[in-house]
Amino acid sequence: MRLTLGVLSAIERVGNRLPHPFWLFVIMAGLVVLASALLAALNVSVVSPADGSTIAVRSLLSPEGLHFIVGDAVANFAAFPPLPLIVSVMIGVSVAEQSGLVTAALRGSVTRVPKKLLTFAVVLTGISASVASDAAYVVFIPLAAMVFKAVGRSPVLGLVVGFGSVSAGYNAALTITLTDALMSGISTSAAQIIDPGYVVNPLSNFFFTFVSALFLAVVITLLTELVLVKLTDKVQEDGDGETGDLGSMLLTDEERKGMRRAGLALALYLGALAAIVLPPSSPLRGEDGGLLSSPMLTGVAVVLAVGFLIVGMVYGRTVGTIPTMASVPPAMAVGVRELAPVLVLFFAAAQFIAYFSWSGMADVIAVSGADMLDSLGVHPVLFFIGFLLLATTLNIFITSGSAQWALIAPVFIPMFMLMGVSPETTQALYRIADSATNIISPMSAYFILVLGLLQKYRKDAGVGTMISLTLPISITVFVSWSLFFFLWWGLGIPLGPGTPYTY
C-alpha cells in the first residue's frame, strides 16, 4: 500500500504540472508544425500500402501550410465530426435533465429495490448512469450510500459501490449515451486520415457495451460481497454521515406519474420508429434497402435527441418543471451552455488533428508503425494489451476521456487500420482503458468529491483510505473487462449493428 500511495502521489504531482487539455492540444499542434518542417526538409516519405503511391511529409511552415493553418482554421473546427453530434444529442438530453427526469430515474432505480437485489441494482444503475452525465456523480453516489444505510448496511460500502460502478463502468451502458456520439465522432475523424469516407456510427459498440454493463454488474457485485464488504468493515465510522434524507429521495406520486407517462411516450416513439423503418418499402431504408444503412442508424444522434426531448417534455409537463412549450428552448440552451468548455477544447483538438492529417505525418507514422508491428510477427492480442496498458495509464493523468481519445485516436486508429483492425475495434478497447483507472486517479475532480463524502463518515479518511477501497475495483474491472473483450472478439460476436472487426 505504501508503494501504491507513493506512485499515486507522484502521479498527482506530475499531473498537477500538466497544462489544461486545451493548451495540451495547442502544444501538440505546435510540435506537429515544427516536426512537419523538419521531416519535410529530410524528405521523409512512405509508400502507401493501398495504391503504392509515395506519401511525403508536407511542411506546415511552407506557404501552402501557412495558408492551411490560417485560412482553414474555421473549416477545420466546423468539420470536426464530434461537434455536430454532441450538440445535437445534448439539445435533447438537456431537456430530460432540466425536467428532472434523469435524476428521478436514478432515484427510482434503487430506492425501492428488494434488499437481496440491492447491490446488483445499485451497480447496474450506476454503470448505466453515464446517460445522466455529471448528475450520475452528484446525485447517484450519495444516494447509494443512503440506500445502503437505510437497509442496515455500511454507507461507506454504498459510497464505494456507487462510485465504482459509475466511474469504472462509465463506458458501458444499457442505453446509447452522449459518450457514444462523442467517441464515435472522434473515431470518425481519426479513421478519415486513412479513409476519407469512413464513418464510425454511434451504435458501433452498442452490443458490446450493453452486455458489458450486465457483465460488469455481476463482477462488481461479486467483488462487493466477497471483498469490499470486508474492507469497508475496517473503516470505523465516526461521523454522522448524513448526506441527505432517504425519504426525500423517494419518488412522489406526481413524479411516479411523470415516469409512467415518460415511459409510455418512449414506447410510442420507439414503436413509431419501428413502424416507419421496418416495411421493406420504407423511404428511411438505406440505398441498398437495408436497415444497417438506414438514416435511423447513420443519423442516430438526431433520433436520440428527439427521444430525450419527447420524454423530457412529457415528464416536465406532468410534474410542472416544464410548464409550457415556451419553456423547452431555454432548457435546450442550458445544455448548449454546459458544452462551452467542451467546444473550446474541440477547437484546439480539431486543429491538432487537421495539422496532423494535412502534413502527412499521420500517414507516415501509421504506415511505419504498422510495418514495424507486422515485422515483429506477434499475435494481435499483444498489440491490444499494449494499447490497453498505455491508454489506461494515460487515463490517470488525462482524466477527460474525450481529450485523451482525441489525442491518441489519430495515432492508433490509422495504425491499426493498416494492420487490418477496424476503428470500431480500437474504440471498444479504449472504452475499457478509459474506464478502469478513473476511480484511482487523484487528478479526477470526482475522486476528490467522493473523498469529501467519505470524510462525512470517517473524518480522518484520506487518499490512502480511498485507494484501499477503490483499487480492487480498478484492477478487477480492467482485468475482467479486458478478458471479456478478448472472449467476445475471439467468438466473433459483432460489437454493434453491422460493425466489422477488420478493415
Protein backbone atom coordinates (compact mmCIF):
# COMPACT_ATOMS: atom_id res chain seq x y z
CA MET A 1 0.00 0.00 0.00
CA ARG A 2 2.86 2.38 0.78
CA LEU A 3 4.29 1.77 -2.69
CA THR A 4 0.87 2.38 -4.27
CA LEU A 5 0.39 5.60 -2.35
CA GLY A 6 3.89 6.72 -3.32
CA VAL A 7 3.18 6.07 -7.01
CA LEU A 8 -0.15 7.88 -6.85
CA SER A 9 1.41 10.82 -5.03
CA ALA A 10 4.00 11.08 -7.79
CA ILE A 11 1.24 10.86 -10.39
CA GLU A 12 -0.62 13.67 -8.66
CA ARG A 13 2.47 15.89 -8.64
CA VAL A 14 3.19 15.24 -12.31
CA GLY A 15 -0.45 15.59 -13.26
CA ASN A 16 -0.76 18.92 -11.49
CA ARG A 17 2.01 20.24 -13.69
CA LEU A 18 0.30 19.22 -16.90
CA PRO A 19 -1.36 22.09 -18.77
CA HIS A 20 -5.11 22.31 -19.30
CA PRO A 21 -6.19 19.94 -22.12
CA PHE A 22 -6.81 22.98 -24.36
CA TRP A 23 -3.18 24.07 -24.03
CA LEU A 24 -2.06 20.47 -24.33
CA PHE A 25 -3.62 20.35 -27.80
CA VAL A 26 -2.15 23.75 -28.68
CA ILE A 27 1.30 22.50 -27.67
CA MET A 28 0.83 19.27 -29.62
CA ALA A 29 -0.31 21.24 -32.68
CA GLY A 30 2.79 23.43 -32.39
CA LEU A 31 5.01 20.35 -32.19
CA VAL A 32 3.32 18.93 -35.31
CA VAL A 33 4.07 22.19 -37.15
CA LEU A 34 7.75 22.07 -36.20
CA ALA A 35 8.10 18.34 -36.81
CA SER A 36 6.47 18.63 -40.24
CA ALA A 37 9.01 21.26 -41.27
CA LEU A 38 11.91 19.11 -40.08
CA LEU A 39 10.64 15.87 -41.65
CA ALA A 40 9.81 17.63 -44.92
CA ALA A 41 13.36 19.04 -45.04
CA LEU A 42 14.66 15.49 -44.57
CA ASN A 43 12.38 14.24 -47.39
CA VAL A 44 10.73 11.67 -45.16
CA SER A 45 8.14 9.59 -47.00
CA VAL A 46 6.48 6.18 -47.09
CA VAL A 47 4.86 4.02 -49.73
CA SER A 48 1.09 3.70 -49.36
CA PRO A 49 0.08 0.04 -48.94
CA ALA A 50 -3.25 0.89 -50.60
CA ASP A 51 -2.11 2.02 -54.04
CA GLY A 52 1.70 2.05 -53.96
CA SER A 53 1.91 5.83 -54.17
CA THR A 54 4.51 7.80 -52.25
CA ILE A 55 3.33 9.83 -49.28
CA ALA A 56 5.76 12.56 -48.31
CA VAL A 57 5.57 14.80 -45.26
CA ARG A 58 4.49 18.36 -46.12
CA SER A 59 5.75 21.31 -44.12
CA LEU A 60 3.15 23.38 -42.31
CA LEU A 61 5.64 26.25 -42.40
CA SER A 62 5.55 26.30 -46.21
CA PRO A 63 3.34 28.90 -47.97
CA GLU A 64 0.71 26.23 -48.58
CA GLY A 65 0.91 25.08 -44.96
CA LEU A 66 0.56 28.59 -43.58
CA HIS A 67 -2.44 29.19 -45.83
CA PHE A 68 -3.96 25.99 -44.44
CA ILE A 69 -3.30 26.97 -40.80
CA VAL A 70 -4.83 30.43 -41.15
CA GLY A 71 -7.38 30.00 -43.91
CA ASP A 72 -8.85 26.66 -42.88
CA ALA A 73 -8.99 27.07 -39.09
CA VAL A 74 -12.73 27.73 -39.04
CA ALA A 75 -13.40 24.99 -41.57
CA ASN A 76 -11.36 22.52 -39.51
CA PHE A 77 -13.47 23.31 -36.47
CA ALA A 78 -16.78 23.22 -38.32
CA ALA A 79 -15.93 19.90 -39.97
CA PHE A 80 -14.80 18.22 -36.72
CA PRO A 81 -17.15 15.18 -36.61
CA PRO A 82 -17.84 15.15 -32.84
CA LEU A 83 -19.02 18.79 -32.88
CA PRO A 84 -22.45 18.43 -34.55
CA LEU A 85 -23.04 15.07 -32.90
CA ILE A 86 -22.55 16.22 -29.32
CA VAL A 87 -24.50 19.46 -29.83
CA SER A 88 -27.41 17.60 -31.45
CA VAL A 89 -27.66 14.96 -28.74
CA MET A 90 -27.15 17.41 -25.88
CA ILE A 91 -30.08 19.57 -27.02
CA GLY A 92 -32.41 16.65 -26.29
CA VAL A 93 -30.57 15.31 -23.24
CA SER A 94 -30.65 18.76 -21.65
CA VAL A 95 -34.45 18.84 -21.70
CA ALA A 96 -34.56 15.45 -19.96
CA GLU A 97 -32.08 16.70 -17.35
CA GLN A 98 -33.73 20.09 -16.78
CA SER A 99 -37.14 18.48 -16.40
CA GLY A 100 -35.81 16.34 -13.55
CA LEU A 101 -36.44 13.09 -15.41
CA VAL A 102 -32.84 11.86 -15.30
CA THR A 103 -32.47 12.43 -11.56
CA ALA A 104 -35.87 10.86 -10.88
CA ALA A 105 -34.90 7.80 -12.94
CA LEU A 106 -31.72 7.36 -10.88
CA ARG A 107 -33.64 7.70 -7.63
CA GLY A 108 -36.42 5.39 -8.73
CA SER A 109 -33.97 2.72 -9.86
CA VAL A 110 -32.58 1.99 -6.40
CA THR A 111 -34.87 3.31 -3.66
CA ARG A 112 -37.48 0.54 -3.87
CA VAL A 113 -35.31 -2.44 -4.72
CA PRO A 114 -35.57 -5.63 -2.59
CA LYS A 115 -32.64 -5.98 -0.18
CA LYS A 116 -31.38 -9.16 -1.82
CA LEU A 117 -31.01 -7.40 -5.16
CA LEU A 118 -29.82 -4.07 -3.78
CA THR A 119 -26.13 -4.39 -4.60
CA PHE A 120 -26.72 -5.60 -8.14
CA ALA A 121 -29.37 -2.93 -8.75
CA VAL A 122 -27.12 -0.14 -7.45
CA VAL A 123 -24.20 -1.35 -9.57
CA LEU A 124 -26.22 -1.79 -12.76
CA THR A 125 -27.89 1.60 -12.32
CA GLY A 126 -24.52 3.23 -11.67
CA ILE A 127 -22.96 1.67 -14.74
CA SER A 128 -25.78 2.94 -16.94
CA ALA A 129 -25.88 6.35 -15.23
CA SER A 130 -23.43 7.85 -17.72
CA VAL A 131 -26.56 8.87 -19.65
CA ALA A 132 -27.04 11.41 -16.85
CA SER A 133 -23.54 12.92 -17.30
CA ASP A 134 -22.38 14.76 -14.13
CA ALA A 135 -25.65 14.04 -12.33
CA ALA A 136 -24.52 10.45 -12.05
CA TYR A 137 -21.75 11.53 -9.67
CA VAL A 138 -23.51 14.36 -7.87
CA VAL A 139 -26.82 12.58 -7.26
CA PHE A 140 -26.26 8.86 -7.51
CA ILE A 141 -23.16 8.29 -5.34
CA PRO A 142 -24.52 9.88 -2.13
CA LEU A 143 -27.86 8.23 -2.92
CA ALA A 144 -26.16 4.81 -2.99
CA ALA A 145 -24.67 5.50 0.47
CA MET A 146 -28.07 6.49 1.87
CA VAL A 147 -29.82 3.45 0.39
CA PHE A 148 -27.26 1.08 1.88
CA LYS A 149 -27.55 2.81 5.26
CA ALA A 150 -31.35 2.60 5.16
CA VAL A 151 -31.27 -1.21 4.86
CA GLY A 152 -28.73 -1.58 7.67
CA ARG A 153 -25.59 -1.93 5.57
CA SER A 154 -22.45 0.20 5.65
CA PRO A 155 -22.99 3.56 3.95
CA VAL A 156 -19.26 3.57 3.21
CA LEU A 157 -19.79 0.36 1.23
CA GLY A 158 -22.67 2.01 -0.62
CA LEU A 159 -20.48 5.02 -1.36
CA VAL A 160 -17.68 2.85 -2.76
CA VAL A 161 -20.06 0.69 -4.78
CA GLY A 162 -21.79 3.76 -6.21
CA PHE A 163 -18.51 5.42 -7.13
CA GLY A 164 -17.02 2.24 -8.55
CA SER A 165 -20.00 1.44 -10.74
CA VAL A 166 -20.45 4.97 -12.10
CA SER A 167 -16.76 5.65 -12.68
CA ALA A 168 -15.13 2.30 -13.51
CA GLY A 169 -18.12 1.23 -15.59
CA TYR A 170 -18.60 4.59 -17.29
CA ASN A 171 -18.16 3.38 -20.88
CA ALA A 172 -20.63 0.51 -20.56
CA ALA A 173 -24.37 1.14 -20.51
CA LEU A 174 -27.76 -0.38 -21.24
CA THR A 175 -28.65 2.56 -23.48
CA ILE A 176 -26.97 4.77 -26.04
CA THR A 177 -25.34 7.73 -24.27
CA LEU A 178 -23.74 11.05 -25.11
CA THR A 179 -20.36 9.32 -24.82
CA ASP A 180 -21.22 7.08 -27.78
CA ALA A 181 -21.85 10.08 -30.03
CA LEU A 182 -18.76 11.89 -28.79
CA MET A 183 -16.41 8.93 -29.07
CA SER A 184 -17.65 7.84 -32.50
CA GLY A 185 -17.17 11.37 -33.84
CA ILE A 186 -13.52 11.42 -32.75
CA SER A 187 -13.03 7.91 -34.14
CA THR A 188 -14.52 9.03 -37.48
CA SER A 189 -12.13 11.97 -37.64
CA ALA A 190 -9.16 9.67 -36.97
CA ALA A 191 -10.31 6.98 -39.41
CA GLN A 192 -10.70 9.53 -42.21
CA ILE A 193 -6.95 10.13 -42.09
CA ILE A 194 -6.66 6.79 -43.90
CA ASP A 195 -10.10 6.50 -45.48
CA PRO A 196 -11.82 9.89 -46.11
CA GLY A 197 -15.23 8.29 -46.49
CA TYR A 198 -15.15 6.17 -43.34
CA VAL A 199 -17.81 6.85 -40.68
CA VAL A 200 -17.97 5.29 -37.22
CA ASN A 201 -21.61 5.05 -36.14
CA PRO A 202 -22.56 5.89 -32.52
CA LEU A 203 -24.16 2.42 -32.34
CA SER A 204 -20.94 0.69 -33.45
CA ASN A 205 -20.15 -0.70 -29.97
CA PHE A 206 -23.70 -0.99 -28.63
CA PHE A 207 -23.94 -4.81 -28.49
CA PHE A 208 -20.65 -4.95 -26.61
CA THR A 209 -21.43 -2.12 -24.18
CA PHE A 210 -24.93 -3.45 -23.45
CA VAL A 211 -23.72 -6.92 -22.49
CA SER A 212 -20.66 -5.42 -20.78
CA ALA A 213 -22.97 -3.46 -18.47
CA LEU A 214 -24.58 -6.71 -17.31
CA PHE A 215 -21.23 -8.49 -17.09
CA LEU A 216 -19.60 -5.71 -15.04
CA ALA A 217 -22.66 -5.51 -12.78
CA VAL A 218 -22.18 -9.18 -11.91
CA VAL A 219 -18.41 -8.80 -11.47
CA ILE A 220 -18.62 -5.71 -9.23
CA THR A 221 -21.48 -7.27 -7.22
CA LEU A 222 -19.40 -10.39 -6.52
CA LEU A 223 -16.37 -8.24 -5.68
CA THR A 224 -18.52 -6.20 -3.30
CA GLU A 225 -19.90 -9.16 -1.38
CA LEU A 226 -16.64 -11.14 -1.30
CA VAL A 227 -14.01 -8.42 -0.84
CA LEU A 228 -15.27 -4.85 -0.45
CA VAL A 229 -17.64 -5.68 2.40
CA LYS A 230 -14.63 -6.84 4.43
CA LEU A 231 -12.57 -3.77 3.54
CA THR A 232 -15.32 -1.33 4.46
CA ASP A 233 -15.91 -3.14 7.77
CA LYS A 234 -12.42 -1.94 8.76
CA VAL A 235 -13.39 1.70 8.14
CA GLN A 236 -14.83 2.70 11.51
CA GLU A 237 -17.50 5.36 11.10
CA ASP A 238 -17.02 8.32 13.42
CA GLY A 239 -19.13 10.96 11.62
CA ASP A 240 -22.88 11.24 11.40
CA GLY A 241 -22.56 10.60 7.69
CA GLU A 242 -25.72 12.44 6.85
CA THR A 243 -25.64 13.24 3.14
CA GLY A 244 -29.37 13.68 2.94
CA ASP A 245 -32.67 12.12 3.89
CA LEU A 246 -33.59 8.90 2.14
CA GLY A 247 -37.26 9.77 2.48
CA SER A 248 -36.71 12.87 0.38
CA MET A 249 -35.15 10.70 -2.30
CA LEU A 250 -38.26 8.56 -2.74
CA LEU A 251 -40.36 9.44 -5.76
CA THR A 252 -43.55 11.39 -5.09
CA ASP A 253 -46.86 10.35 -6.58
CA GLU A 254 -46.53 13.12 -9.15
CA GLU A 255 -43.03 12.01 -10.10
CA ARG A 256 -44.13 8.40 -10.47
CA LYS A 257 -46.96 9.58 -12.73
CA GLY A 258 -44.42 11.55 -14.77
CA MET A 259 -42.17 8.49 -15.04
CA ARG A 260 -45.07 6.33 -16.24
CA ARG A 261 -46.09 8.87 -18.84
CA ALA A 262 -42.49 9.34 -19.98
CA GLY A 263 -42.11 5.56 -20.30
CA LEU A 264 -45.31 5.35 -22.36
CA ALA A 265 -44.12 8.23 -24.57
CA LEU A 266 -40.81 6.45 -25.12
CA ALA A 267 -42.57 3.21 -26.03
CA LEU A 268 -44.80 5.02 -28.53
CA TYR A 269 -41.79 6.82 -30.02
CA LEU A 270 -39.82 3.60 -30.46
CA GLY A 271 -42.90 1.88 -31.87
CA ALA A 272 -43.40 4.68 -34.38
CA LEU A 273 -39.76 4.45 -35.47
CA ALA A 274 -40.08 0.69 -35.95
CA ALA A 275 -43.33 1.09 -37.90
CA ILE A 276 -41.69 3.62 -40.20
CA VAL A 277 -38.43 1.84 -40.89
CA LEU A 278 -39.35 -1.87 -40.86
CA PRO A 279 -41.52 -2.07 -44.03
CA PRO A 280 -39.30 -3.07 -47.00
CA SER A 281 -40.60 -0.10 -49.00
CA SER A 282 -39.83 2.42 -46.26
CA PRO A 283 -38.20 5.64 -47.55
CA LEU A 284 -35.98 5.56 -44.47
CA ARG A 285 -34.30 2.35 -45.58
CA GLY A 286 -30.75 2.61 -46.89
CA GLU A 287 -29.98 2.98 -50.59
CA ASP A 288 -29.46 -0.78 -50.73
CA GLY A 289 -32.80 -1.33 -48.99
CA GLY A 290 -31.08 -2.48 -45.80
CA LEU A 291 -31.59 -1.45 -42.18
CA LEU A 292 -27.90 -1.03 -41.34
CA SER A 293 -27.53 1.76 -43.89
CA SER A 294 -30.77 3.41 -42.81
CA PRO A 295 -30.70 7.10 -41.82
CA MET A 296 -32.07 5.87 -38.49
CA LEU A 297 -28.61 4.47 -37.78
CA THR A 298 -26.40 6.86 -39.69
CA GLY A 299 -28.30 9.76 -38.14
CA VAL A 300 -28.83 8.16 -34.76
CA ALA A 301 -27.71 11.34 -32.95
CA VAL A 302 -30.92 13.08 -34.08
CA VAL A 303 -33.01 10.03 -33.20
CA LEU A 304 -31.53 10.07 -29.69
CA ALA A 305 -32.00 13.81 -29.31
CA VAL A 306 -35.68 13.62 -30.28
CA GLY A 307 -36.22 10.68 -27.92
CA PHE A 308 -34.73 12.53 -24.94
CA LEU A 309 -36.66 15.65 -25.93
CA ILE A 310 -40.00 13.84 -26.01
CA VAL A 311 -39.64 12.02 -22.69
CA GLY A 312 -38.23 15.14 -21.02
CA MET A 313 -41.15 17.24 -22.21
CA VAL A 314 -43.75 14.66 -21.15
CA TYR A 315 -42.21 14.28 -17.70
CA GLY A 316 -41.72 18.03 -17.27
CA ARG A 317 -45.29 18.87 -18.27
CA THR A 318 -46.56 16.25 -15.81
CA VAL A 319 -44.57 17.40 -12.76
CA GLY A 320 -44.61 21.09 -13.69
CA THR A 321 -40.89 21.63 -14.32
CA ILE A 322 -41.64 22.44 -17.97
CA PRO A 323 -44.98 24.24 -17.67
CA THR A 324 -45.31 25.44 -21.28
CA MET A 325 -43.82 24.79 -24.69
CA ALA A 326 -42.05 28.12 -24.34
CA SER A 327 -40.00 26.54 -21.52
CA VAL A 328 -38.45 23.97 -23.86
CA PRO A 329 -35.97 26.13 -25.84
CA PRO A 330 -34.42 27.62 -22.65
CA ALA A 331 -33.98 24.07 -21.33
CA MET A 332 -32.20 23.16 -24.58
CA ALA A 333 -30.00 26.23 -24.25
CA VAL A 334 -28.80 25.11 -20.81
CA GLY A 335 -27.29 22.02 -22.38
CA VAL A 336 -25.51 24.03 -25.07
CA ARG A 337 -24.13 26.42 -22.43
CA GLU A 338 -22.81 23.47 -20.44
CA LEU A 339 -20.99 22.32 -23.57
CA ALA A 340 -18.94 25.53 -23.72
CA PRO A 341 -15.78 24.01 -22.12
CA VAL A 342 -16.02 21.04 -24.50
CA LEU A 343 -16.42 23.29 -27.54
CA VAL A 344 -13.34 25.29 -26.53
CA LEU A 345 -11.40 22.04 -26.23
CA PHE A 346 -12.74 20.83 -29.58
CA PHE A 347 -11.44 23.93 -31.36
CA ALA A 348 -7.86 23.11 -30.35
CA ALA A 349 -8.32 19.36 -30.90
CA ALA A 350 -9.73 19.94 -34.40
CA GLN A 351 -6.67 22.00 -35.39
CA PHE A 352 -4.27 19.38 -33.99
CA ILE A 353 -5.92 16.54 -35.93
CA ALA A 354 -6.19 18.65 -39.09
CA TYR A 355 -2.49 19.61 -38.96
CA PHE A 356 -1.53 16.00 -38.27
CA SER A 357 -3.52 14.78 -41.28
CA TRP A 358 -2.65 17.58 -43.79
CA SER A 359 1.09 17.32 -43.12
CA GLY A 360 1.11 13.61 -43.97
CA MET A 361 2.70 12.82 -40.62
CA ALA A 362 -0.31 10.72 -39.65
CA ASP A 363 0.13 8.53 -42.75
CA VAL A 364 3.88 8.22 -42.24
CA ILE A 365 3.51 7.25 -38.57
CA ALA A 366 0.64 4.87 -39.32
CA VAL A 367 2.43 3.09 -42.18
CA SER A 368 5.78 2.97 -40.38
CA GLY A 369 4.21 1.83 -37.13
CA ALA A 370 2.12 -0.83 -38.85
CA ASP A 371 5.16 -2.11 -40.75
CA MET A 372 7.17 -2.29 -37.55
CA LEU A 373 4.45 -4.13 -35.64
CA ASP A 374 3.89 -6.51 -38.56
CA SER A 375 7.61 -7.24 -38.70
CA LEU A 376 7.57 -8.34 -35.06
CA GLY A 377 5.36 -11.24 -36.07
CA VAL A 378 3.48 -11.42 -32.75
CA HIS A 379 -0.19 -12.08 -32.13
CA PRO A 380 -2.56 -9.09 -32.38
CA VAL A 381 -3.66 -9.77 -28.79
CA LEU A 382 -0.26 -8.49 -27.61
CA PHE A 383 -0.78 -5.24 -29.54
CA PHE A 384 -4.20 -4.89 -27.97
CA ILE A 385 -2.82 -5.47 -24.49
CA GLY A 386 -0.09 -2.90 -25.09
CA PHE A 387 -2.67 -0.36 -26.22
CA LEU A 388 -4.87 -1.09 -23.20
CA LEU A 389 -1.98 -0.60 -20.78
CA LEU A 390 -0.86 2.62 -22.43
CA ALA A 391 -4.33 4.16 -22.59
CA THR A 392 -5.29 3.18 -19.04
CA THR A 393 -2.05 4.68 -17.72
CA LEU A 394 -2.63 7.93 -19.61
CA ASN A 395 -6.14 7.99 -18.17
CA ILE A 396 -4.70 8.57 -14.70
CA PHE A 397 -3.09 11.80 -15.91
CA ILE A 398 -5.66 12.95 -18.50
CA THR A 399 -8.99 12.30 -16.83
CA SER A 400 -11.08 13.74 -19.66
CA GLY A 401 -11.98 10.71 -21.79
CA SER A 402 -12.73 12.80 -24.89
CA ALA A 403 -9.46 14.75 -24.56
CA GLN A 404 -7.38 11.61 -24.27
CA TRP A 405 -9.20 9.90 -27.15
CA ALA A 406 -8.77 12.97 -29.37
CA LEU A 407 -5.06 12.86 -28.54
CA ILE A 408 -4.32 9.20 -29.22
CA ALA A 409 -7.02 8.15 -31.71
CA PRO A 410 -5.28 9.90 -34.67
CA VAL A 411 -2.22 7.73 -34.00
CA PHE A 412 -3.63 4.33 -33.13
CA ILE A 413 -6.77 4.12 -35.28
CA PRO A 414 -4.89 4.68 -38.60
CA MET A 415 -2.04 2.41 -37.47
CA PHE A 416 -4.38 -0.41 -36.53
CA MET A 417 -6.44 0.12 -39.70
CA LEU A 418 -3.32 -0.56 -41.77
CA MET A 419 -2.91 -3.75 -39.75
CA GLY A 420 -6.46 -4.77 -40.66
CA VAL A 421 -8.13 -3.73 -37.38
CA SER A 422 -11.32 -1.70 -37.68
CA PRO A 423 -11.66 1.68 -35.91
CA GLU A 424 -14.66 0.31 -34.02
CA THR A 425 -12.48 -2.42 -32.50
CA THR A 426 -9.85 0.08 -31.37
CA GLN A 427 -12.60 2.26 -29.92
CA ALA A 428 -14.02 -0.68 -27.94
CA LEU A 429 -10.58 -1.32 -26.45
CA TYR A 430 -10.29 2.32 -25.50
CA ARG A 431 -13.60 2.16 -23.65
CA ILE A 432 -12.09 -0.39 -21.27
CA ALA A 433 -8.88 1.54 -20.72
CA ASP A 434 -10.67 4.84 -20.21
CA SER A 435 -12.94 3.44 -17.50
CA ALA A 436 -10.81 1.23 -15.29
CA THR A 437 -8.50 3.81 -13.68
CA ASN A 438 -11.00 6.65 -13.27
CA ILE A 439 -11.61 5.75 -9.63
CA ILE A 440 -7.95 5.80 -8.56
CA SER A 441 -6.86 8.98 -10.32
CA PRO A 442 -6.11 11.77 -7.81
CA MET A 443 -6.40 14.13 -10.81
CA SER A 444 -10.12 13.46 -11.08
CA ALA A 445 -12.47 16.04 -9.56
CA TYR A 446 -14.86 13.20 -8.73
CA PHE A 447 -12.17 11.37 -6.76
CA ILE A 448 -11.96 14.47 -4.54
CA LEU A 449 -15.76 14.70 -4.42
CA VAL A 450 -16.13 11.14 -3.17
CA LEU A 451 -13.26 11.59 -0.71
CA GLY A 452 -15.20 14.52 0.76
CA LEU A 453 -18.31 12.35 1.05
CA LEU A 454 -16.28 9.59 2.69
CA GLN A 455 -14.96 12.03 5.29
CA LYS A 456 -18.53 12.61 6.45
CA TYR A 457 -18.42 9.05 7.74
CA ARG A 458 -14.74 8.90 8.69
CA LYS A 459 -13.27 12.31 9.45
CA ASP A 460 -9.62 11.22 9.15
CA ALA A 461 -10.13 9.36 5.87
CA GLY A 462 -7.53 10.37 3.30
CA VAL A 463 -6.25 9.40 -0.11
CA GLY A 464 -4.87 6.16 1.34
CA THR A 465 -8.31 5.16 2.59
CA MET A 466 -9.82 5.92 -0.80
CA ILE A 467 -7.18 3.94 -2.66
CA SER A 468 -7.53 0.92 -0.40
CA LEU A 469 -11.26 0.83 -1.15
CA THR A 470 -11.20 1.61 -4.87
CA LEU A 471 -8.03 -0.10 -6.13
CA PRO A 472 -9.63 -3.59 -6.04
CA ILE A 473 -12.44 -2.29 -8.27
CA SER A 474 -10.00 -0.68 -10.71
CA ILE A 475 -7.87 -3.81 -11.08
CA THR A 476 -10.83 -6.17 -11.25
CA VAL A 477 -12.67 -4.11 -13.88
CA PHE A 478 -9.56 -3.73 -16.05
CA VAL A 479 -8.63 -7.43 -15.97
CA SER A 480 -12.13 -8.91 -16.20
CA TRP A 481 -13.40 -6.49 -18.87
CA SER A 482 -10.25 -6.99 -20.97
CA LEU A 483 -10.67 -10.77 -20.80
CA PHE A 484 -14.34 -10.36 -21.64
CA PHE A 485 -13.43 -8.34 -24.73
CA PHE A 486 -10.95 -10.98 -25.91
CA LEU A 487 -13.60 -13.69 -25.43
CA TRP A 488 -16.13 -11.57 -27.35
CA TRP A 489 -13.57 -10.86 -30.09
CA GLY A 490 -12.44 -14.49 -30.24
CA LEU A 491 -16.00 -15.69 -30.72
CA GLY A 492 -16.51 -13.13 -33.49
CA ILE A 493 -19.64 -11.62 -31.91
CA PRO A 494 -20.37 -8.25 -33.55
CA LEU A 495 -19.52 -5.20 -31.45
CA GLY A 496 -22.58 -3.40 -32.80
CA PRO A 497 -25.01 -3.41 -35.73
CA GLY A 498 -23.00 -4.19 -38.85
CA THR A 499 -19.71 -3.45 -37.08
CA PRO A 500 -16.70 -5.26 -38.59
CA TYR A 501 -13.62 -6.33 -36.65
CA THR A 502 -11.41 -5.98 -39.68
CA TYR A 503 -10.69 -3.16 -42.08
